[in-house]
């Protein structure tokens, strides 16, 4: 029995692999830097580590996220955890110069929408949240490829 493979779907994630500088700017706040890295084992598994702190957090958590796909239908997911013991699963789409993450659930809905530059060396996006009264900006996020 032939099984679908993730080769094509994981090819889309390849643009994220590398080392990046990062600047996150909360709504109405001062920017803070970070240096995330996306490492991959032949694009069979990928993990992305960064230091991003939403403006309502008192300190910057250490964040770990794993990206993957369901090869049978080409859907993507992000598994997120941080040192505050916050764990979330996001749905994800990537391709044609766009990268999106989203989740619905307590304590608020979230979404991230980003544009990937044509050369793949810059990603500009925004995290938003909705606590039931409409979408609000959490923070803008810019990644610039270091290598």
Protein backbone atom coordinates (compact mmCIF):
# COMPACT_ATOMS: atom_id res chain seq x y z
CA UNK A 1 0.00 0.00 0.00
CA UNK A 2 1.41 3.39 -1.02
CA UNK A 3 1.57 5.94 1.76
CA UNK A 4 1.64 9.70 1.19
CA UNK A 5 4.97 11.27 2.06
CA UNK A 6 5.64 14.67 3.57
CA UNK A 7 8.37 15.61 1.10
CA UNK A 8 6.34 18.21 -0.81
CA UNK A 9 4.69 19.69 2.30
CA UNK A 10 7.95 19.89 4.24
CA UNK A 11 9.59 21.65 1.29
CA UNK A 12 7.36 24.66 2.08
CA UNK A 13 8.75 24.82 5.64
CA UNK A 14 12.32 24.84 4.34
CA UNK A 15 12.21 28.65 4.00
CA UNK A 16 12.11 28.87 7.84
CA UNK A 17 15.27 26.81 8.36
CA UNK A 18 18.22 28.90 9.48
CA UNK A 19 19.32 31.38 12.08
CA UNK A 20 17.43 34.64 12.36
CA UNK A 21 17.57 37.92 14.20
CA UNK A 22 14.19 38.89 15.52
CA UNK A 23 12.53 42.06 16.70
CA UNK A 24 9.16 41.95 18.42
CA UNK A 25 7.31 45.19 19.04
CA UNK A 26 4.26 45.07 21.32
CA UNK A 27 1.34 47.39 20.62
CA UNK A 28 2.32 50.75 22.11
CA UNK A 29 5.58 49.38 23.53
CA UNK A 30 9.30 49.26 22.97
CA UNK A 31 10.80 46.57 20.70
CA UNK A 32 12.78 43.69 22.15
CA UNK A 33 15.30 41.58 20.25
CA UNK A 34 15.67 37.82 20.00
CA UNK A 35 17.71 35.28 18.09
CA UNK A 36 15.57 32.29 17.09
CA UNK A 37 16.96 29.32 15.24
CA UNK A 38 15.16 26.75 13.15
CA UNK A 39 17.09 23.52 12.95
CA UNK A 40 16.12 20.54 10.88
CA UNK A 41 17.10 16.93 10.47
CA UNK A 42 16.73 16.63 6.72
CA UNK A 43 13.37 18.43 7.03
CA UNK A 44 11.88 15.30 8.56
CA UNK A 45 11.50 17.13 11.84
CA UNK A 46 12.00 20.77 12.62
CA UNK A 47 12.20 22.73 15.83
CA UNK A 48 12.18 26.47 16.23
CA UNK A 49 13.41 28.10 19.43
CA UNK A 50 13.08 31.78 20.24
CA UNK A 51 12.57 34.33 22.97
CA UNK A 52 9.33 36.12 22.30
CA UNK A 53 7.28 37.70 25.06
CA UNK A 54 3.73 38.94 24.45
CA UNK A 55 3.30 42.37 26.02
CA UNK A 56 1.02 41.07 28.77
CA UNK A 57 3.67 38.68 30.10
CA UNK A 58 5.84 39.90 32.92
CA UNK A 59 8.97 38.25 31.61
CA UNK A 60 10.20 36.72 28.39
CA UNK A 61 9.56 33.00 28.36
CA UNK A 62 11.85 30.56 26.63
CA UNK A 63 9.77 29.26 23.75
CA UNK A 64 10.03 25.97 21.90
CA UNK A 65 7.93 25.06 18.90
CA UNK A 66 7.91 22.09 16.56
CA UNK A 67 6.50 22.30 13.06
CA UNK A 68 5.21 19.40 11.06
CA UNK A 69 2.58 18.25 8.64
CA UNK A 70 0.05 15.54 8.00
CA UNK A 71 1.33 14.08 4.74
CA UNK A 72 -2.04 12.54 3.91
CA UNK A 73 -3.72 15.92 3.46
CA UNK A 74 -0.87 18.47 3.51
CA UNK A 75 -2.03 20.30 6.63
CA UNK A 76 0.51 21.89 8.94
CA UNK A 77 0.67 22.23 12.70
CA UNK A 78 2.81 23.94 15.29
CA UNK A 79 3.25 22.49 18.78
CA UNK A 80 4.12 25.31 21.16
CA UNK A 81 5.43 25.22 24.72
CA UNK A 82 7.25 27.65 26.96
CA UNK A 83 8.83 27.74 30.40
CA UNK A 84 5.58 29.07 31.93
CA UNK A 85 4.08 25.63 31.16
CA UNK A 86 1.87 27.12 28.45
CA UNK A 87 1.25 24.50 25.76
CA UNK A 88 -0.78 25.10 22.59
CA UNK A 89 -1.42 23.55 19.20
CA UNK A 90 -1.72 25.90 16.25
CA UNK A 91 -2.94 25.17 12.77
CA UNK A 92 -0.54 26.51 10.16
CA UNK A 93 -0.34 27.35 6.48
CA UNK A 94 2.74 28.32 4.53
CA UNK A 95 3.40 28.97 0.86
CA UNK A 96 3.25 31.63 -1.84
CA UNK A 97 5.09 34.10 0.38
CA UNK A 98 2.68 33.80 3.32
CA UNK A 99 2.98 32.14 6.73
CA UNK A 100 -0.04 31.86 9.03
CA UNK A 101 -0.66 30.31 12.44
CA UNK A 102 -3.97 30.27 14.31
CA UNK A 103 -5.86 28.68 17.17
CA UNK A 104 -9.27 28.97 18.75
CA UNK A 105 -9.61 28.23 22.43
CA UNK A 106 -9.26 29.41 25.98
CA UNK A 107 -8.17 31.79 27.28
CA UNK A 108 -8.28 33.65 23.91
CA UNK A 109 -8.11 33.05 20.17
CA UNK A 110 -4.82 33.84 18.44
CA UNK A 111 -3.52 34.32 14.93
CA UNK A 112 -0.23 35.18 13.26
CA UNK A 113 -0.04 36.45 9.69
CA UNK A 114 3.29 37.08 7.96
CA UNK A 115 4.75 37.88 4.58
CA UNK A 116 7.96 36.14 3.50
CA UNK A 117 10.21 38.17 1.22
CA UNK A 118 10.89 36.86 -2.28
CA UNK A 119 14.48 35.98 -1.37
CA UNK A 120 13.30 34.26 1.86
CA UNK A 121 15.55 36.39 4.06
CA UNK A 122 12.92 38.52 5.83
CA UNK A 123 9.60 37.66 7.43
CA UNK A 124 7.27 40.43 8.64
CA UNK A 125 4.25 39.47 10.66
CA UNK A 126 1.82 40.29 13.41
CA UNK A 127 0.39 38.28 16.32
CA UNK A 128 -3.18 39.14 17.25
CA UNK A 129 -5.57 37.92 19.93
CA UNK A 130 -9.32 37.98 20.49
CA UNK A 131 -10.81 37.66 23.97
CA UNK A 132 -14.34 37.79 22.58
CA UNK A 133 -14.46 41.50 21.80
CA UNK A 134 -12.62 41.61 18.46
CA UNK A 135 -9.07 41.17 17.22
CA UNK A 136 -6.30 43.27 18.81
CA UNK A 137 -2.60 43.50 18.01
CA UNK A 138 -0.44 41.61 20.49
CA UNK A 139 2.90 42.36 18.81
CA UNK A 140 4.54 42.85 15.43
CA UNK A 141 7.35 40.46 14.65
CA UNK A 142 10.17 40.82 12.11
CA UNK A 143 12.65 38.03 11.37
CA UNK A 144 15.81 38.76 9.37
CA UNK A 145 17.94 35.81 8.24
CA UNK A 146 21.43 35.78 9.75
CA UNK A 147 22.45 32.56 7.99
